[in-house]
Protein backbone atom coordinates (compact mmCIF):
# COMPACT_ATOMS: atom_id res chain seq x y z
CA MET A 1 0.00 0.00 0.00
CA ALA A 2 1.46 3.36 -1.02
CA ASP A 3 1.84 6.07 1.61
CA LYS A 4 -0.27 9.18 1.28
CA GLU A 5 1.55 12.24 0.02
CA GLN A 6 2.87 14.22 2.96
CA SER A 7 1.44 17.68 3.65
CA TYR A 8 0.97 20.11 6.53
CA ALA A 9 -2.26 18.33 7.45
CA ASN A 10 -0.64 14.89 7.86
CA HIS A 11 3.06 15.47 8.58
CA GLY A 12 2.86 14.79 12.33
CA ARG A 13 4.22 11.42 13.33
CA ILE A 14 2.46 9.13 15.80
CA VAL A 15 4.08 5.80 16.63
CA PRO A 16 1.18 3.75 18.02
CA MET A 17 3.35 1.26 19.93
CA TYR A 18 5.07 4.16 21.71
CA HIS A 19 2.40 6.83 22.02
CA TYR A 20 -0.52 4.57 22.84
CA VAL A 21 0.74 1.21 24.06
CA THR A 22 3.98 2.00 25.92
CA LEU A 23 2.88 5.31 27.41
CA GLY A 24 -0.55 3.88 28.19
CA ILE A 25 0.94 0.92 30.04
CA LEU A 26 3.25 3.23 31.97
CA GLN A 27 0.39 5.55 32.94
CA LEU A 28 -1.80 2.69 34.10
CA THR A 29 1.09 1.15 36.03
CA PHE A 30 1.85 4.47 37.71
CA ILE A 31 -1.80 4.98 38.69
CA GLY A 32 -2.00 1.41 39.99
CA SER A 33 1.21 1.78 41.98
CA CYS A 34 -0.07 5.05 43.51
CA VAL A 35 -3.32 3.31 44.51
CA ASN A 36 -1.27 0.46 45.99
CA LEU A 37 0.85 2.96 47.94
CA TYR A 38 -2.26 4.70 49.27
CA LEU A 39 -3.85 1.39 50.34
CA SER A 40 -0.66 0.26 52.08
CA TRP A 41 -0.11 3.55 53.93
CA GLY A 42 -0.59 2.10 57.43
CA ASP A 43 0.81 -1.35 56.63
CA HIS A 44 4.53 -1.27 57.35
CA THR A 45 5.15 -4.61 55.66
CA ARG A 46 3.79 -3.40 52.28
CA PHE A 47 4.64 0.30 52.43
CA TYR A 48 8.29 -0.01 51.37
CA SER A 49 7.57 -2.19 48.32
CA ALA A 50 4.59 0.01 47.35
CA SER A 51 6.69 3.18 47.54
CA LEU A 52 9.44 1.45 45.58
CA LEU A 53 6.94 0.57 42.82
CA VAL A 54 5.80 4.20 42.58
CA THR A 55 9.39 5.41 42.40
CA LEU A 56 10.43 2.85 39.78
CA THR A 57 7.34 3.44 37.65
CA PHE A 58 7.84 7.20 37.79
CA GLY A 59 11.51 6.75 36.82
CA THR A 60 10.52 4.51 33.91
CA MET A 61 8.00 7.12 32.72
CA LEU A 62 10.70 9.81 32.84
CA THR A 63 13.08 7.54 30.93
CA ALA A 64 10.50 6.96 28.17
CA ILE A 65 9.74 10.68 27.89
CA PHE A 66 13.41 11.70 27.91
CA ALA A 67 14.32 9.05 25.34
CA ARG A 68 11.79 10.56 22.93
CA THR A 69 12.81 14.14 23.77
CA PHE A 70 16.52 13.43 23.33
CA ALA A 71 15.91 11.71 19.97
CA LEU A 72 13.87 14.68 18.74
CA LYS A 73 16.53 17.14 19.90
CA ALA A 74 19.24 15.18 18.07
CA GLN A 75 17.04 15.10 14.98
CA ASP A 76 16.52 18.88 15.21
CA ARG A 77 20.30 19.40 15.33
CA ALA A 78 20.72 17.27 12.21
CA ILE A 79 17.93 19.15 10.42
CA ARG A 80 19.53 22.48 11.38
CA ALA A 81 22.83 21.35 9.87
CA GLU A 82 21.13 20.01 6.72
CA GLU A 83 19.16 23.20 6.16
CA GLN A 84 22.23 25.37 6.80
CA LEU A 85 24.05 23.36 4.13
CA ARG A 86 21.10 23.55 1.74
CA HIS A 87 20.90 27.33 2.16
CA TYR A 88 24.67 27.68 1.76
CA VAL A 89 24.69 25.60 -1.43
CA MET A 90 21.83 27.68 -2.87
CA THR A 91 23.04 31.15 -1.82
CA GLY A 92 26.67 30.94 -0.70
CA LYS A 93 25.55 32.21 2.74
CA LEU A 94 24.43 30.61 5.98
CA LEU A 95 20.85 30.98 7.16
CA ASP A 96 19.93 34.21 8.90
CA PRO A 97 21.06 33.98 12.55
CA ARG A 98 17.68 35.39 13.65
CA LEU A 99 16.11 32.03 12.78
CA ASP A 100 15.78 29.68 15.72
CA VAL A 101 15.89 25.89 15.56
CA ARG A 102 12.08 25.53 15.49
CA GLN A 103 11.86 27.87 12.48
CA ILE A 104 14.63 26.01 10.68
CA VAL A 105 12.89 22.71 11.37
CA GLY A 106 9.74 24.20 9.81
CA LEU A 107 11.71 25.29 6.74
CA ARG A 108 12.79 21.72 5.97
CA PHE A 109 9.44 21.11 4.26
CA ALA A 110 9.89 23.95 1.75
CA SER A 111 10.84 23.02 -1.81
CA ASN A 112 14.10 24.36 -3.18
CA GLU A 113 12.17 26.88 -5.29
CA GLU A 114 10.63 28.58 -2.25
CA PHE A 115 13.19 27.77 0.46
CA VAL A 116 15.43 30.85 0.26
CA ALA A 117 12.58 33.37 0.03
CA LEU A 118 10.63 31.67 2.81
CA ALA A 119 13.72 31.58 5.05
CA GLN A 120 14.20 35.33 4.55
CA ARG A 121 10.51 36.01 5.17
CA ALA A 122 10.59 33.85 8.32
CA ALA A 123 13.54 35.83 9.67
CA ASP A 124 12.10 39.24 8.73
CA GLN A 125 8.59 38.55 10.05
CA SER A 126 9.56 36.24 12.95
CA LEU A 127 7.21 33.55 11.63
CA SER A 128 6.49 30.61 13.91
CA ALA A 129 7.32 27.07 12.78
CA LYS A 130 3.58 26.50 12.26
CA ASP A 131 3.29 29.65 10.12
CA ILE A 132 6.31 28.59 8.08
CA LYS A 133 4.89 25.13 7.42
CA GLN A 134 1.52 26.60 6.47
CA ALA A 135 3.24 28.99 4.04
CA VAL A 136 4.89 26.14 2.12
CA ARG A 137 3.21 25.80 -1.27
CA ASN A 138 5.23 22.90 -2.68
CA TRP A 139 5.69 20.45 0.23
CA ARG A 140 9.00 18.57 0.46
CA ALA A 141 8.26 15.38 2.37
CA ASP A 142 10.41 14.24 5.28
CA THR A 143 9.79 10.55 5.90
CA TYR A 144 12.97 9.89 7.92
CA ARG A 145 11.84 11.61 11.08
CA VAL A 146 11.68 10.23 14.59
């Protein structure tokens, strides 16, 4: 089955096994461990193990969230470098230093024909990443994202 053509409307990436299954399991486990801790509050034989379960579940949730965040940050750094190179190849100059990483990430979807002008407009008008992506007329798909 062929993938749909990427556009602003469908470019967001959801990984069902991560976003729904893994995070769902972790949320339910955390809630259950908190209930267990509450129910064992006066029971000194269960309290330590119940508090340990809450702590470990919370730590696992943080690990899952940070793993995703760190991967996205590394991807943003790579995109920034790629777009700097693309702009340099097209113009002989680096991107405007007024552009932040989020804006540059938004520019990655612009076709070569509109990239330079849109980058200048984004810097001059302080466009948000969302505004930049919505301004793209000829979408350049990015299917290798995290």
